[in-house]
Amino acid sequence: MWKRRIEQCRRAPAYPAQAGVSISDIASRWGFLDMSHLSRASKRAVGAPPRRYR
């Protein structure tokens, strides 16, 4: 479940429709209320934080 949520947070910033949406807003939509938690979890799961994919 965590990996799926992390993957969605990783993919979302790359979509043109999400260009004006902050990483924090995307993260909270997927249940991550703390950006540092998302960043650490993303680095462990996919090797990079979601910001890198924007």
C-alpha atoms as a PDB file:
ATOM      1  CA  MET A   1       0.000   0.000   0.000  1.00  0.00           C
ATOM      2  CA  TRP A   2       2.757   2.471   0.923  1.00  0.00           C
ATOM      3  CA  LYS A   3       4.645   1.827  -2.276  1.00  0.00           C
ATOM      4  CA  ARG A   4       1.525   2.514  -4.352  1.00  0.00           C
ATOM      5  CA  ARG A   5       0.911   5.827  -2.580  1.00  0.00           C
ATOM      6  CA  ILE A   6       4.558   6.813  -2.965  1.00  0.00           C
ATOM      7  CA  GLU A   7       4.425   5.940  -6.656  1.00  0.00           C
ATOM      8  CA  GLN A   8       1.354   8.148  -7.146  1.00  0.00           C
ATOM      9  CA  CYS A   9       3.133  11.031  -5.414  1.00  0.00           C
ATOM     10  CA  ARG A  10       6.126  10.465  -7.670  1.00  0.00           C
ATOM     11  CA  ARG A  11       4.095  10.400 -10.890  1.00  0.00           C
ATOM     12  CA  ALA A  12       1.707  13.276 -10.232  1.00  0.00           C
ATOM     13  CA  PRO A  13       4.200  16.176 -10.542  1.00  0.00           C
ATOM     14  CA  ALA A  14       5.155  15.060 -14.055  1.00  0.00           C
ATOM     15  CA  TYR A  15       1.603  15.502 -15.416  1.00  0.00           C
ATOM     16  CA  PRO A  16       0.972  18.862 -17.093  1.00  0.00           C
ATOM     17  CA  ALA A  17      -2.391  19.186 -15.310  1.00  0.00           C
ATOM     18  CA  GLN A  18      -0.539  19.100 -11.990  1.00  0.00           C
ATOM     19  CA  ALA A  19       1.912  21.878 -12.924  1.00  0.00           C
ATOM     20  CA  GLY A  20       0.295  24.415 -10.595  1.00  0.00           C
ATOM     21  CA  VAL A  21      -0.252  21.993  -7.719  1.00  0.00           C
ATOM     22  CA  SER A  22       2.330  21.938  -4.943  1.00  0.00           C
ATOM     23  CA  ILE A  23       4.093  18.739  -3.934  1.00  0.00           C
ATOM     24  CA  SER A  24       2.620  19.238  -0.454  1.00  0.00           C
ATOM     25  CA  ASP A  25      -0.922  19.252  -1.868  1.00  0.00           C
ATOM     26  CA  ILE A  26      -0.254  16.154  -3.937  1.00  0.00           C
ATOM     27  CA  ALA A  27       1.246  14.420  -0.907  1.00  0.00           C
ATOM     28  CA  SER A  28      -1.704  15.239   1.332  1.00  0.00           C
ATOM     29  CA  ARG A  29      -4.127  13.880  -1.286  1.00  0.00           C
ATOM     30  CA  TRP A  30      -2.329  10.546  -0.970  1.00  0.00           C
ATOM     31  CA  GLY A  31      -2.264  10.582   2.834  1.00  0.00           C
ATOM     32  CA  PHE A  32       1.162  12.033   3.556  1.00  0.00           C
ATOM     33  CA  LEU A  33       0.666  14.939   5.943  1.00  0.00           C
ATOM     34  CA  ASP A  34       4.357  15.406   6.641  1.00  0.00           C
ATOM     35  CA  MET A  35       6.586  16.229   3.669  1.00  0.00           C
ATOM     36  CA  SER A  36       9.721  14.945   5.369  1.00  0.00           C
ATOM     37  CA  HIS A  37       8.030  11.569   5.854  1.00  0.00           C
ATOM     38  CA  LEU A  38       7.105  11.422   2.160  1.00  0.00           C
ATOM     39  CA  SER A  39      10.589  12.461   1.125  1.00  0.00           C
ATOM     40  CA  ARG A  40      12.283   9.780   3.254  1.00  0.00           C
ATOM     41  CA  ALA A  41       9.821   7.085   2.191  1.00  0.00           C
ATOM     42  CA  SER A  42      10.194   8.023  -1.463  1.00  0.00           C
ATOM     43  CA  LYS A  43      13.980   7.976  -1.300  1.00  0.00           C
ATOM     44  CA  ARG A  44      13.856   4.479   0.226  1.00  0.00           C
ATOM     45  CA  ALA A  45      11.282   3.152  -2.244  1.00  0.00           C
ATOM     46  CA  VAL A  46      12.315   4.718  -5.557  1.00  0.00           C
ATOM     47  CA  GLY A  47      15.623   6.413  -4.870  1.00  0.00           C
ATOM     48  CA  ALA A  48      14.510  10.033  -5.181  1.00  0.00           C
ATOM     49  CA  PRO A  49      12.068  12.514  -3.641  1.00  0.00           C
ATOM     50  CA  PRO A  50       8.908  13.431  -5.618  1.00  0.00           C
ATOM     51  CA  ARG A  51      10.212  16.956  -6.360  1.00  0.00           C
ATOM     52  CA  ARG A  52      12.867  15.473  -8.607  1.00  0.00           C
ATOM     53  CA  TYR A  53      10.216  14.334 -11.082  1.00  0.00           C
ATOM     54  CA  ARG A  54       8.663  17.751 -11.589  1.00  0.00           C
END
